[in-house]
């Protein structure tokens, strides 16, 4: 595995960790919603929607900044374009997919928690 692969792996792990933490912080909120009668099928899309919006914003900002920095550092790059569409597309796809999976898995786990346990957790 070369340096780019290791960097991408570290980024994926970091995104997953941040998203998992953000969803875990909402476990109490989900417990309250479910205690008041919300079904898990209605709570799950709320969390996924928020994660998808954050991911879309991050992809937009990250792509813009990487293209800007790529133009600035173009003279230092050797053998690769500053805006290689294959590399950008692959890394964006992997990071966005990992962010959405990182939202879905803990959110699904949080909706299966007993509401009384979620309310007593803190």
PDB file of N, CA and C in Angstrom:
ATOM      1  N   UNK A   1       0.853  -1.174   0.000  1.00  0.00           N
ATOM      2  CA  UNK A   1       0.000   0.000   0.000  1.00  0.00           C
ATOM      3  C   UNK A   1       0.897   1.234   0.000  1.00  0.00           C
ATOM      4  N   UNK A   2       0.620   2.126  -0.913  1.00  0.00           N
ATOM      5  CA  UNK A   2       1.454   3.328  -0.977  1.00  0.00           C
ATOM      6  C   UNK A   2       0.920   4.412  -0.041  1.00  0.00           C
ATOM      7  N   UNK A   3       1.560   5.542  -0.063  1.00  0.00           N
ATOM      8  CA  UNK A   3       1.247   6.632   0.860  1.00  0.00           C
ATOM      9  C   UNK A   3      -0.180   7.139   0.659  1.00  0.00           C
ATOM     10  N   UNK A   4      -0.631   7.209  -0.600  1.00  0.00           N
ATOM     11  CA  UNK A   4      -1.994   7.696  -0.861  1.00  0.00           C
ATOM     12  C   UNK A   4      -3.025   6.752  -0.276  1.00  0.00           C
ATOM     13  N   UNK A   5      -2.772   5.455  -0.356  1.00  0.00           N
ATOM     14  CA  UNK A   5      -3.696   4.474   0.214  1.00  0.00           C
ATOM     15  C   UNK A   5      -3.766   4.583   1.728  1.00  0.00           C
ATOM     16  N   UNK A   6      -2.634   4.783   2.347  1.00  0.00           N
ATOM     17  CA  UNK A   6      -2.605   4.943   3.808  1.00  0.00           C
ATOM     18  C   UNK A   6      -3.318   6.231   4.213  1.00  0.00           C
ATOM     19  N   UNK A   7      -3.098   7.302   3.451  1.00  0.00           N
ATOM     20  CA  UNK A   7      -3.769   8.574   3.752  1.00  0.00           C
ATOM     21  C   UNK A   7      -5.285   8.428   3.608  1.00  0.00           C
ATOM     22  N   UNK A   8      -5.719   7.733   2.568  1.00  0.00           N
ATOM     23  CA  UNK A   8      -7.153   7.528   2.372  1.00  0.00           C
ATOM     24  C   UNK A   8      -7.740   6.664   3.475  1.00  0.00           C
ATOM     25  N   UNK A   9      -7.018   5.637   3.902  1.00  0.00           N
ATOM     26  CA  UNK A   9      -7.478   4.781   4.991  1.00  0.00           C
ATOM     27  C   UNK A   9      -7.599   5.573   6.293  1.00  0.00           C
ATOM     28  N   UNK A  10      -6.627   6.409   6.592  1.00  0.00           N
ATOM     29  CA  UNK A  10      -6.692   7.247   7.789  1.00  0.00           C
ATOM     30  C   UNK A  10      -7.865   8.226   7.718  1.00  0.00           C
ATOM     31  N   UNK A  11      -8.113   8.769   6.542  1.00  0.00           N
ATOM     32  CA  UNK A  11      -9.240   9.698   6.388  1.00  0.00           C
ATOM     33  C   UNK A  11     -10.564   8.977   6.595  1.00  0.00           C
ATOM     34  N   UNK A  12     -10.696   7.778   6.052  1.00  0.00           N
ATOM     35  CA  UNK A  12     -11.929   7.003   6.210  1.00  0.00           C
ATOM     36  C   UNK A  12     -12.162   6.661   7.679  1.00  0.00           C
ATOM     37  N   UNK A  13     -11.120   6.229   8.363  1.00  0.00           N
ATOM     38  CA  UNK A  13     -11.246   5.902   9.787  1.00  0.00           C
ATOM     39  C   UNK A  13     -11.612   7.142  10.589  1.00  0.00           C
ATOM     40  N   UNK A  14     -11.021   8.273  10.259  1.00  0.00           N
ATOM     41  CA  UNK A  14     -11.340   9.513  10.951  1.00  0.00           C
ATOM     42  C   UNK A  14     -12.778   9.952  10.735  1.00  0.00           C
ATOM     43  N   UNK A  15     -13.235   9.885   9.497  1.00  0.00           N
ATOM     44  CA  UNK A  15     -14.624  10.249   9.190  1.00  0.00           C
ATOM     45  C   UNK A  15     -15.581   9.321   9.920  1.00  0.00           C
ATOM     46  N   UNK A  16     -15.276   8.039   9.916  1.00  0.00           N
ATOM     47  CA  UNK A  16     -16.138   7.076  10.599  1.00  0.00           C
ATOM     48  C   UNK A  16     -16.201   7.372  12.103  1.00  0.00           C
ATOM     49  N   UNK A  17     -15.076   7.679  12.688  1.00  0.00           N
ATOM     50  CA  UNK A  17     -15.041   7.974  14.122  1.00  0.00           C
ATOM     51  C   UNK A  17     -15.839   9.213  14.483  1.00  0.00           C
ATOM     52  N   UNK A  18     -15.701  10.264  13.683  1.00  0.00           N
ATOM     53  CA  UNK A  18     -16.432  11.501  13.964  1.00  0.00           C
ATOM     54  C   UNK A  18     -17.926  11.297  13.804  1.00  0.00           C
ATOM     55  N   UNK A  19     -18.334  10.625  12.742  1.00  0.00           N
ATOM     56  CA  UNK A  19     -19.763  10.381  12.506  1.00  0.00           C
ATOM     57  C   UNK A  19     -20.350   9.477  13.585  1.00  0.00           C
ATOM     58  N   UNK A  20     -19.613   8.467  13.996  1.00  0.00           N
ATOM     59  CA  UNK A  20     -20.100   7.577  15.045  1.00  0.00           C
ATOM     60  C   UNK A  20     -20.290   8.341  16.349  1.00  0.00           C
ATOM     61  N   UNK A  21     -19.354   9.208  16.667  1.00  0.00           N
ATOM     62  CA  UNK A  21     -19.465  10.018  17.884  1.00  0.00           C
ATOM     63  C   UNK A  21     -20.674  10.956  17.806  1.00  0.00           C
ATOM     64  N   UNK A  22     -20.878  11.577  16.649  1.00  0.00           N
ATOM     65  CA  UNK A  22     -22.001  12.507  16.489  1.00  0.00           C
ATOM     66  C   UNK A  22     -23.340  11.790  16.662  1.00  0.00           C
ATOM     67  N   UNK A  23     -23.450  10.591  16.140  1.00  0.00           N
ATOM     68  CA  UNK A  23     -24.697   9.832  16.285  1.00  0.00           C
ATOM     69  C   UNK A  23     -24.854   9.349  17.720  1.00  0.00           C
ATOM     70  N   UNK A  24     -23.773   8.945  18.350  1.00  0.00           N
ATOM     71  CA  UNK A  24     -23.854   8.473  19.733  1.00  0.00           C
ATOM     72  C   UNK A  24     -24.329   9.586  20.664  1.00  0.00           C
ATOM     73  N   UNK A  25     -23.977  10.823  20.352  1.00  0.00           N
ATOM     74  CA  UNK A  25     -24.428  11.954  21.171  1.00  0.00           C
ATOM     75  C   UNK A  25     -25.931  12.164  21.064  1.00  0.00           C
ATOM     76  N   UNK A  26     -26.549  11.642  20.003  1.00  0.00           N
ATOM     77  CA  UNK A  26     -27.991  11.817  19.810  1.00  0.00           C
ATOM     78  C   UNK A  26     -28.801  10.636  20.329  1.00  0.00           C
ATOM     79  N   UNK A  27     -28.181   9.686  21.003  1.00  0.00           N
ATOM     80  CA  UNK A  27     -28.900   8.512  21.487  1.00  0.00           C
ATOM     81  C   UNK A  27     -30.005   8.902  22.457  1.00  0.00           C
ATOM     82  N   UNK A  28     -29.730   9.855  23.306  1.00  0.00           N
ATOM     83  CA  UNK A  28     -30.756  10.290  24.268  1.00  0.00           C
ATOM     84  C   UNK A  28     -31.937  10.922  23.540  1.00  0.00           C
ATOM     85  N   UNK A  29     -31.643  11.743  22.539  1.00  0.00           N
ATOM     86  CA  UNK A  29     -32.712  12.356  21.743  1.00  0.00           C
ATOM     87  C   UNK A  29     -33.574  11.292  21.080  1.00  0.00           C
ATOM     88  N   UNK A  30     -32.932  10.283  20.538  1.00  0.00           N
ATOM     89  CA  UNK A  30     -33.675   9.200  19.890  1.00  0.00           C
ATOM     90  C   UNK A  30     -34.522   8.469  20.919  1.00  0.00           C
ATOM     91  N   UNK A  31     -33.966   8.247  22.110  1.00  0.00           N
ATOM     92  CA  UNK A  31     -34.722   7.596  23.177  1.00  0.00           C
ATOM     93  C   UNK A  31     -35.952   8.391  23.569  1.00  0.00           C
ATOM     94  N   UNK A  32     -35.824   9.706  23.651  1.00  0.00           N
ATOM     95  CA  UNK A  32     -36.974  10.552  23.988  1.00  0.00           C
ATOM     96  C   UNK A  32     -38.026  10.472  22.891  1.00  0.00           C
ATOM     97  N   UNK A  33     -37.581  10.558  21.654  1.00  0.00           N
ATOM     98  CA  UNK A  33     -38.534  10.466  20.538  1.00  0.00           C
ATOM     99  C   UNK A  33     -39.288   9.138  20.559  1.00  0.00           C
ATOM    100  N   UNK A  34     -38.542   8.064  20.804  1.00  0.00           N
ATOM    101  CA  UNK A  34     -39.185   6.750  20.812  1.00  0.00           C
ATOM    102  C   UNK A  34     -40.086   6.579  22.036  1.00  0.00           C
ATOM    103  N   UNK A  35     -39.712   7.181  23.168  1.00  0.00           N
ATOM    104  CA  UNK A  35     -40.557   7.110  24.356  1.00  0.00           C
ATOM    105  C   UNK A  35     -41.870   7.852  24.136  1.00  0.00           C
ATOM    106  N   UNK A  36     -41.831   8.876  23.299  1.00  0.00           N
ATOM    107  CA  UNK A  36     -43.036   9.642  23.004  1.00  0.00           C
ATOM    108  C   UNK A  36     -43.867   9.030  21.873  1.00  0.00           C
ATOM    109  N   UNK A  37     -43.404   7.911  21.331  1.00  0.00           N
ATOM    110  CA  UNK A  37     -44.210   7.196  20.347  1.00  0.00           C
ATOM    111  C   UNK A  37     -43.662   7.143  18.943  1.00  0.00           C
ATOM    112  N   UNK A  38     -42.497   7.710  18.692  1.00  0.00           N
ATOM    113  CA  UNK A  38     -41.925   7.650  17.348  1.00  0.00           C
ATOM    114  C   UNK A  38     -41.450   6.228  17.056  1.00  0.00           C
ATOM    115  N   UNK A  39     -41.611   5.834  15.837  1.00  0.00           N
ATOM    116  CA  UNK A  39     -41.154   4.513  15.413  1.00  0.00           C
ATOM    117  C   UNK A  39     -39.692   4.609  14.954  1.00  0.00           C
ATOM    118  N   UNK A  40     -38.954   3.517  15.073  1.00  0.00           N
ATOM    119  CA  UNK A  40     -37.554   3.553  14.610  1.00  0.00           C
ATOM    120  C   UNK A  40     -37.431   3.927  13.133  1.00  0.00           C
ATOM    121  N   UNK A  41     -38.441   3.568  12.341  1.00  0.00           N
ATOM    122  CA  UNK A  41     -38.396   3.883  10.910  1.00  0.00           C
ATOM    123  C   UNK A  41     -38.472   5.380  10.645  1.00  0.00           C
ATOM    124  N   UNK A  42     -39.015   6.140  11.608  1.00  0.00           N
ATOM    125  CA  UNK A  42     -39.085   7.588  11.431  1.00  0.00           C
ATOM    126  C   UNK A  42     -37.874   8.303  12.030  1.00  0.00           C
ATOM    127  N   UNK A  43     -37.230   7.697  13.004  1.00  0.00           N
ATOM    128  CA  UNK A  43     -36.046   8.314  13.616  1.00  0.00           C
ATOM    129  C   UNK A  43     -34.800   8.129  12.756  1.00  0.00           C
ATOM    130  N   UNK A  44     -34.696   7.003  12.116  1.00  0.00           N
ATOM    131  CA  UNK A  44     -33.506   6.694  11.322  1.00  0.00           C
ATOM    132  C   UNK A  44     -33.281   7.695  10.191  1.00  0.00           C
ATOM    133  N   UNK A  45     -34.302   8.037   9.402  1.00  0.00           N
ATOM    134  CA  UNK A  45     -34.056   9.008   8.323  1.00  0.00           C
ATOM    135  C   UNK A  45     -33.635  10.394   8.808  1.00  0.00           C
ATOM    136  N   UNK A  46     -34.041  10.786  10.012  1.00  0.00           N
ATOM    137  CA  UNK A  46     -33.619  12.086  10.534  1.00  0.00           C
ATOM    138  C   UNK A  46     -32.105  12.148  10.691  1.00  0.00           C
ATOM    139  N   UNK A  47     -31.548  11.097  11.224  1.00  0.00           N
ATOM    140  CA  UNK A  47     -30.105  11.058  11.457  1.00  0.00           C
ATOM    141  C   UNK A  47     -29.352  10.917  10.137  1.00  0.00           C
ATOM    142  N   UNK A  48     -29.871  10.065   9.260  1.00  0.00           N
ATOM    143  CA  UNK A  48     -29.226   9.866   7.964  1.00  0.00           C
ATOM    144  C   UNK A  48     -29.260  11.170   7.157  1.00  0.00           C
ATOM    145  N   UNK A  49     -30.371  11.901   7.216  1.00  0.00           N
ATOM    146  CA  UNK A  49     -30.488  13.159   6.483  1.00  0.00           C
ATOM    147  C   UNK A  49     -29.454  14.168   6.966  1.00  0.00           C
ATOM    148  N   UNK A  50     -29.311  14.298   8.280  1.00  0.00           N
ATOM    149  CA  UNK A  50     -28.333  15.231   8.819  1.00  0.00           C
ATOM    150  C   UNK A  50     -26.917  14.819   8.391  1.00  0.00           C
ATOM    151  N   UNK A  51     -26.620  13.541   8.464  1.00  0.00           N
ATOM    152  CA  UNK A  51     -25.299  13.069   8.050  1.00  0.00           C
ATOM    153  C   UNK A  51     -25.055  13.274   6.570  1.00  0.00           C
ATOM    154  N   UNK A  52     -26.091  13.084   5.749  1.00  0.00           N
ATOM    155  CA  UNK A  52     -25.946  13.275   4.307  1.00  0.00           C
ATOM    156  C   UNK A  52     -25.711  14.751   3.974  1.00  0.00           C
ATOM    157  N   UNK A  53     -26.404  15.647   4.672  1.00  0.00           N
ATOM    158  CA  UNK A  53     -26.186  17.078   4.435  1.00  0.00           C
ATOM    159  C   UNK A  53     -24.778  17.498   4.847  1.00  0.00           C
ATOM    160  N   UNK A  54     -24.318  16.998   5.987  1.00  0.00           N
ATOM    161  CA  UNK A  54     -22.956  17.305   6.425  1.00  0.00           C
ATOM    162  C   UNK A  54     -21.936  16.739   5.443  1.00  0.00           C
ATOM    163  N   UNK A  55     -22.197  15.539   4.955  1.00  0.00           N
ATOM    164  CA  UNK A  55     -21.287  14.914   4.000  1.00  0.00           C
ATOM    165  C   UNK A  55     -21.254  15.687   2.693  1.00  0.00           C
ATOM    166  N   UNK A  56     -22.414  16.112   2.199  1.00  0.00           N
ATOM    167  CA  UNK A  56     -22.462  16.881   0.951  1.00  0.00           C
ATOM    168  C   UNK A  56     -21.700  18.194   1.090  1.00  0.00           C
ATOM    169  N   UNK A  57     -21.884  18.876   2.222  1.00  0.00           N
ATOM    170  CA  UNK A  57     -21.158  20.123   2.460  1.00  0.00           C
ATOM    171  C   UNK A  57     -19.653  19.866   2.516  1.00  0.00           C
ATOM    172  N   UNK A  58     -19.260  18.812   3.214  1.00  0.00           N
ATOM    173  CA  UNK A  58     -17.835  18.486   3.335  1.00  0.00           C
ATOM    174  C   UNK A  58     -17.224  18.122   1.984  1.00  0.00           C
ATOM    175  N   UNK A  59     -17.962  17.385   1.164  1.00  0.00           N
ATOM    176  CA  UNK A  59     -17.465  17.017  -0.169  1.00  0.00           C
ATOM    177  C   UNK A  59     -17.306  18.264  -1.031  1.00  0.00           C
ATOM    178  N   UNK A  60     -18.277  19.158  -0.984  1.00  0.00           N
ATOM    179  CA  UNK A  60     -18.207  20.390  -1.765  1.00  0.00           C
ATOM    180  C   UNK A  60     -17.016  21.249  -1.341  1.00  0.00           C
ATOM    181  N   UNK A  61     -16.862  21.447  -0.042  1.00  0.00           N
ATOM    182  CA  UNK A  61     -15.759  22.266   0.451  1.00  0.00           C
ATOM    183  C   UNK A  61     -14.404  21.584   0.211  1.00  0.00           C
ATOM    184  N   UNK A  62     -14.343  20.288   0.459  1.00  0.00           N
ATOM    185  CA  UNK A  62     -13.087  19.563   0.270  1.00  0.00           C
ATOM    186  C   UNK A  62     -12.637  19.536  -1.177  1.00  0.00           C
ATOM    187  N   UNK A  63     -13.577  19.353  -2.093  1.00  0.00           N
ATOM    188  CA  UNK A  63     -13.236  19.345  -3.509  1.00  0.00           C
ATOM    189  C   UNK A  63     -12.764  20.726  -3.952  1.00  0.00           C
ATOM    190  N   UNK A  64     -13.465  21.751  -3.520  1.00  0.00           N
ATOM    191  CA  UNK A  64     -13.071  23.117  -3.879  1.00  0.00           C
ATOM    192  C   UNK A  64     -11.673  23.443  -3.351  1.00  0.00           C
ATOM    193  N   UNK A  65     -11.434  23.120  -2.098  1.00  0.00           N
ATOM    194  CA  UNK A  65     -10.121  23.415  -1.510  1.00  0.00           C
ATOM    195  C   UNK A  65      -9.012  22.578  -2.133  1.00  0.00           C
ATOM    196  N   UNK A  66      -9.305  21.320  -2.464  1.00  0.00           N
ATOM    197  CA  UNK A  66      -8.255  20.492  -3.063  1.00  0.00           C
ATOM    198  C   UNK A  66      -7.898  20.987  -4.465  1.00  0.00           C
ATOM    199  N   UNK A  67      -8.883  21.469  -5.215  1.00  0.00           N
ATOM    200  CA  UNK A  67      -8.580  22.024  -6.534  1.00  0.00           C
ATOM    201  C   UNK A  67      -7.792  23.328  -6.412  1.00  0.00           C
ATOM    202  N   UNK A  68      -8.142  24.144  -5.437  1.00  0.00           N
ATOM    203  CA  UNK A  68      -7.429  25.401  -5.212  1.00  0.00           C
ATOM    204  C   UNK A  68      -5.979  25.153  -4.780  1.00  0.00           C
ATOM    205  N   UNK A  69      -5.804  24.276  -3.819  1.00  0.00           N
ATOM    206  CA  UNK A  69      -4.454  23.965  -3.345  1.00  0.00           C
ATOM    207  C   UNK A  69      -3.667  23.234  -4.430  1.00  0.00           C
ATOM    208  N   UNK A  70      -4.354  22.411  -5.227  1.00  0.00           N
ATOM    209  CA  UNK A  70      -3.683  21.728  -6.331  1.00  0.00           C
ATOM    210  C   UNK A  70      -3.109  22.695  -7.343  1.00  0.00           C
ATOM    211  N   UNK A  71      -3.831  23.772  -7.622  1.00  0.00           N
ATOM    212  CA  UNK A  71      -3.304  24.790  -8.542  1.00  0.00           C
ATOM    213  C   UNK A  71      -2.098  25.500  -7.945  1.00  0.00           C
ATOM    214  N   UNK A  72      -2.151  25.746  -6.649  1.00  0.00           N
ATOM    215  CA  UNK A  72      -1.037  26.428  -5.988  1.00  0.00           C
ATOM    216  C   UNK A  72       0.204  25.534  -5.965  1.00  0.00           C
ATOM    217  N   UNK A  73       0.014  24.259  -5.695  1.00  0.00           N
ATOM    218  CA  UNK A  73       1.138  23.330  -5.574  1.00  0.00           C
ATOM    219  C   UNK A  73       1.461  22.578  -6.868  1.00  0.00           C
ATOM    220  N   UNK A  74       0.905  22.992  -7.989  1.00  0.00           N
ATOM    221  CA  UNK A  74       1.092  22.268  -9.247  1.00  0.00           C
ATOM    222  C   UNK A  74       2.564  22.148  -9.633  1.00  0.00           C
ATOM    223  N   UNK A  75       3.346  23.129  -9.308  1.00  0.00           N
ATOM    224  CA  UNK A  75       4.766  23.075  -9.675  1.00  0.00           C
ATOM    225  C   UNK A  75       5.532  22.033  -8.859  1.00  0.00           C
ATOM    226  N   UNK A  76       5.047  21.698  -7.686  1.00  0.00           N
ATOM    227  CA  UNK A  76       5.730  20.729  -6.830  1.00  0.00           C
ATOM    228  C   UNK A  76       5.339  19.292  -7.155  1.00  0.00           C
ATOM    229  N   UNK A  77       4.261  19.096  -7.915  1.00  0.00           N
ATOM    230  CA  UNK A  77       3.811  17.743  -8.235  1.00  0.00           C
ATOM    231  C   UNK A  77       4.631  17.185  -9.384  1.00  0.00           C
ATOM    232  N   UNK A  78       4.949  15.905  -9.299  1.00  0.00           N
ATOM    233  CA  UNK A  78       5.745  15.269 -10.336  1.00  0.00           C
ATOM    234  C   UNK A  78       5.022  14.028 -10.832  1.00  0.00           C
ATOM    235  N   UNK A  79       4.690  14.004 -12.098  1.00  0.00           N
ATOM    236  CA  UNK A  79       4.097  12.825 -12.708  1.00  0.00           C
ATOM    237  C   UNK A  79       2.601  12.660 -12.491  1.00  0.00           C
ATOM    238  N   UNK A  80       1.957  13.641 -11.912  1.00  0.00           N
ATOM    239  CA  UNK A  80       0.515  13.549 -11.696  1.00  0.00           C
ATOM    240  C   UNK A  80      -0.091  14.948 -11.832  1.00  0.00           C
ATOM    241  N   UNK A  81      -1.293  14.980 -12.328  1.00  0.00           N
ATOM    242  CA  UNK A  81      -1.998  16.244 -12.490  1.00  0.00           C
ATOM    243  C   UNK A  81      -2.536  16.724 -11.142  1.00  0.00           C
ATOM    244  N   UNK A  82      -2.666  18.022 -10.996  1.00  0.00           N
ATOM    245  CA  UNK A  82      -3.192  18.579  -9.755  1.00  0.00           C
ATOM    246  C   UNK A  82      -4.683  18.297  -9.606  1.00  0.00           C
ATOM    247  N   UNK A  83      -5.364  18.098 -10.719  1.00  0.00           N
ATOM    248  CA  UNK A  83      -6.808  17.851 -10.691  1.00  0.00           C
ATOM    249  C   UNK A  83      -7.120  16.548 -11.432  1.00  0.00           C
ATOM    250  N   UNK A  84      -6.479  15.473 -11.030  1.00  0.00           N
ATOM    251  CA  UNK A  84      -6.701  14.175 -11.661  1.00  0.00           C
ATOM    252  C   UNK A  84      -8.117  13.696 -11.339  1.00  0.00           C
ATOM    253  N   UNK A  85      -8.993  13.597 -12.344  1.00  0.00           N
ATOM    254  CA  UNK A  85     -10.390  13.253 -12.061  1.00  0.00           C
ATOM    255  C   UNK A  85     -10.569  11.848 -11.485  1.00  0.00           C
ATOM    256  N   UNK A  86      -9.725  10.927 -11.865  1.00  0.00           N
ATOM    257  CA  UNK A  86      -9.837   9.565 -11.338  1.00  0.00           C
ATOM    258  C   UNK A  86      -9.530   9.536  -9.841  1.00  0.00           C
ATOM    259  N   UNK A  87      -8.467  10.195  -9.450  1.00  0.00           N
ATOM    260  CA  UNK A  87      -8.086  10.225  -8.035  1.00  0.00           C
ATOM    261  C   UNK A  87      -9.116  10.987  -7.216  1.00  0.00           C
ATOM    262  N   UNK A  88      -9.537  12.155  -7.697  1.00  0.00           N
ATOM    263  CA  UNK A  88     -10.538  12.938  -6.966  1.00  0.00           C
ATOM    264  C   UNK A  88     -11.860  12.186  -6.852  1.00  0.00           C
ATOM    265  N   UNK A  89     -12.310  11.618  -7.952  1.00  0.00           N
ATOM    266  CA  UNK A  89     -13.583  10.890  -7.937  1.00  0.00           C
ATOM    267  C   UNK A  89     -13.558   9.682  -7.030  1.00  0.00           C
ATOM    268  N   UNK A  90     -12.464   8.935  -7.061  1.00  0.00           N
ATOM    269  CA  UNK A  90     -12.347   7.748  -6.212  1.00  0.00           C
ATOM    270  C   UNK A  90     -12.310   8.128  -4.738  1.00  0.00           C
ATOM    271  N   UNK A  91     -11.500   9.123  -4.412  1.00  0.00           N
ATOM    272  CA  UNK A  91     -11.395   9.501  -2.996  1.00  0.00           C
ATOM    273  C   UNK A  91     -12.697  10.114  -2.489  1.00  0.00           C
ATOM    274  N   UNK A  92     -13.365  10.921  -3.305  1.00  0.00           N
ATOM    275  CA  UNK A  92     -14.654  11.493  -2.903  1.00  0.00           C
ATOM    276  C   UNK A  92     -15.675  10.391  -2.687  1.00  0.00           C
ATOM    277  N   UNK A  93     -15.730   9.432  -3.599  1.00  0.00           N
ATOM    278  CA  UNK A  93     -16.700   8.337  -3.476  1.00  0.00           C
ATOM    279  C   UNK A  93     -16.455   7.505  -2.223  1.00  0.00           C
ATOM    280  N   UNK A  94     -15.203   7.166  -1.971  1.00  0.00           N
ATOM    281  CA  UNK A  94     -14.892   6.339  -0.802  1.00  0.00           C
ATOM    282  C   UNK A  94     -15.189   7.092   0.491  1.00  0.00           C
ATOM    283  N   UNK A  95     -14.797   8.357   0.568  1.00  0.00           N
ATOM    284  CA  UNK A  95     -15.043   9.127   1.788  1.00  0.00           C
ATOM    285  C   UNK A  95     -16.534   9.389   2.010  1.00  0.00           C
ATOM    286  N   UNK A  96     -17.271   9.688   0.948  1.00  0.00           N
ATOM    287  CA  UNK A  96     -18.713   9.931   1.096  1.00  0.00           C
ATOM    288  C   UNK A  96     -19.435   8.647   1.493  1.00  0.00           C
ATOM    289  N   UNK A  97     -19.070   7.532   0.882  1.00  0.00           N
ATOM    290  CA  UNK A  97     -19.704   6.259   1.236  1.00  0.00           C
ATOM    291  C   UNK A  97     -19.389   5.881   2.680  1.00  0.00           C
ATOM    292  N   UNK A  98     -18.148   6.083   3.100  1.00  0.00           N
ATOM    293  CA  UNK A  98     -17.808   5.743   4.486  1.00  0.00           C
ATOM    294  C   UNK A  98     -18.531   6.657   5.465  1.00  0.00           C
ATOM    295  N   UNK A  99     -18.729   7.924   5.108  1.00  0.00           N
ATOM    296  CA  UNK A  99     -19.458   8.840   5.988  1.00  0.00           C
ATOM    297  C   UNK A  99     -20.915   8.421   6.117  1.00  0.00           C
ATOM    298  N   UNK A 100     -21.529   8.022   5.024  1.00  0.00           N
ATOM    299  CA  UNK A 100     -22.930   7.607   5.087  1.00  0.00           C
ATOM    300  C   UNK A 100     -23.086   6.287   5.838  1.00  0.00           C
ATOM    301  N   UNK A 101     -22.164   5.368   5.635  1.00  0.00           N
ATOM    302  CA  UNK A 101     -22.203   4.111   6.396  1.00  0.00           C
ATOM    303  C   UNK A 101     -21.959   4.393   7.871  1.00  0.00           C
ATOM    304  N   UNK A 102     -21.053   5.335   8.146  1.00  0.00           N
ATOM    305  CA  UNK A 102     -20.767   5.691   9.535  1.00  0.00           C
ATOM    306  C   UNK A 102     -21.962   6.355  10.206  1.00  0.00           C
ATOM    307  N   UNK A 103     -22.839   6.964   9.452  1.00  0.00           N
ATOM    308  CA  UNK A 103     -24.082   7.503  10.026  1.00  0.00           C
ATOM    309  C   UNK A 103     -25.117   6.404  10.204  1.00  0.00           C
ATOM    310  N   UNK A 104     -25.207   5.525   9.233  1.00  0.00           N
ATOM    311  CA  UNK A 104     -26.265   4.525   9.244  1.00  0.00           C
ATOM    312  C   UNK A 104     -26.086   3.491  10.359  1.00  0.00           C
ATOM    313  N   UNK A 105     -24.896   2.947  10.500  1.00  0.00           N
ATOM    314  CA  UNK A 105     -24.686   1.859  11.461  1.00  0.00           C
ATOM    315  C   UNK A 105     -24.970   2.269  12.907  1.00  0.00           C
ATOM    316  N   UNK A 106     -24.398   3.362  13.413  1.00  0.00           N
ATOM    317  CA  UNK A 106     -24.725   3.755  14.793  1.00  0.00           C
ATOM    318  C   UNK A 106     -26.174   4.221  14.946  1.00  0.00           C
ATOM    319  N   UNK A 107     -26.737   4.828  13.903  1.00  0.00           N
ATOM    320  CA  UNK A 107     -28.130   5.274  13.978  1.00  0.00           C
ATOM    321  C   UNK A 107     -29.063   4.073  14.091  1.00  0.00           C
ATOM    322  N   UNK A 108     -28.766   3.045  13.327  1.00  0.00           N
ATOM    323  CA  UNK A 108     -29.582   1.826  13.414  1.00  0.00           C
ATOM    324  C   UNK A 108     -29.449   1.202  14.796  1.00  0.00           C
ATOM    325  N   UNK A 109     -28.239   1.207  15.337  1.00  0.00           N
ATOM    326  CA  UNK A 109     -28.003   0.679  16.672  1.00  0.00           C
ATOM    327  C   UNK A 109     -28.744   1.513  17.721  1.00  0.00           C
ATOM    328  N   UNK A 110     -28.765   2.832  17.546  1.00  0.00           N
ATOM    329  CA  UNK A 110     -29.422   3.721  18.509  1.00  0.00           C
ATOM    330  C   UNK A 110     -30.936   3.552  18.485  1.00  0.00           C
ATOM    331  N   UNK A 111     -31.497   3.227  17.324  1.00  0.00           N
ATOM    332  CA  UNK A 111     -32.951   3.048  17.253  1.00  0.00           C
ATOM    333  C   UNK A 111     -33.388   1.724  17.862  1.00  0.00           C
ATOM    334  N   UNK A 112     -32.471   0.817  18.080  1.00  0.00           N
ATOM    335  CA  UNK A 112     -32.813  -0.470  18.693  1.00  0.00           C
ATOM    336  C   UNK A 112     -32.659  -0.448  20.210  1.00  0.00           C
ATOM    337  N   UNK A 113     -32.175   0.671  20.741  1.00  0.00           N
ATOM    338  CA  UNK A 113     -31.988   0.797  22.181  1.00  0.00           C
ATOM    339  C   UNK A 113     -33.342   0.996  22.844  1.00  0.00           C
ATOM    340  N   UNK A 114     -33.507   0.392  24.006  1.00  0.00           N
ATOM    341  CA  UNK A 114     -34.718   0.584  24.789  1.00  0.00           C
ATOM    342  C   UNK A 114     -34.769   2.051  25.230  1.00  0.00           C
ATOM    343  N   UNK A 115     -35.909   2.750  25.026  1.00  0.00           N
ATOM    344  CA  UNK A 115     -35.981   4.170  25.377  1.00  0.00           C
ATOM    345  C   UNK A 115     -35.634   4.462  26.838  1.00  0.00           C
ATOM    346  N   UNK A 116     -36.009   3.594  27.756  1.00  0.00           N
ATOM    347  CA  UNK A 116     -35.687   3.855  29.165  1.00  0.00           C
ATOM    348  C   UNK A 116     -34.185   3.764  29.414  1.00  0.00           C
ATOM    349  N   UNK A 117     -33.517   2.852  28.740  1.00  0.00           N
ATOM    350  CA  UNK A 117     -32.061   2.758  28.864  1.00  0.00           C
ATOM    351  C   UNK A 117     -31.368   3.976  28.284  1.00  0.00           C
ATOM    352  N   UNK A 118     -31.889   4.466  27.177  1.00  0.00           N
ATOM    353  CA  UNK A 118     -31.294   5.660  26.545  1.00  0.00           C
ATOM    354  C   UNK A 118     -31.473   6.884  27.436  1.00  0.00           C
ATOM    355  N   UNK A 119     -32.606   6.968  28.126  1.00  0.00           N
ATOM    356  CA  UNK A 119     -32.837   8.119  28.994  1.00  0.00           C
ATOM    357  C   UNK A 119     -32.019   8.046  30.276  1.00  0.00           C
ATOM    358  N   UNK A 120     -31.702   6.855  30.736  1.00  0.00           N
ATOM    359  CA  UNK A 120     -30.899   6.703  31.942  1.00  0.00           C
ATOM    360  C   UNK A 120     -29.405   6.787  31.681  1.00  0.00           C
ATOM    361  N   UNK A 121     -28.997   6.759  30.419  1.00  0.00           N
ATOM    362  CA  UNK A 121     -27.585   6.682  30.061  1.00  0.00           C
ATOM    363  C   UNK A 121     -26.776   7.881  30.563  1.00  0.00           C
ATOM    364  N   UNK A 122     -27.375   9.051  30.624  1.00  0.00           N
ATOM    365  CA  UNK A 122     -26.602  10.234  31.013  1.00  0.00           C
ATOM    366  C   UNK A 122     -26.980  10.730  32.371  1.00  0.00           C
TER     367      UNK A 122
END
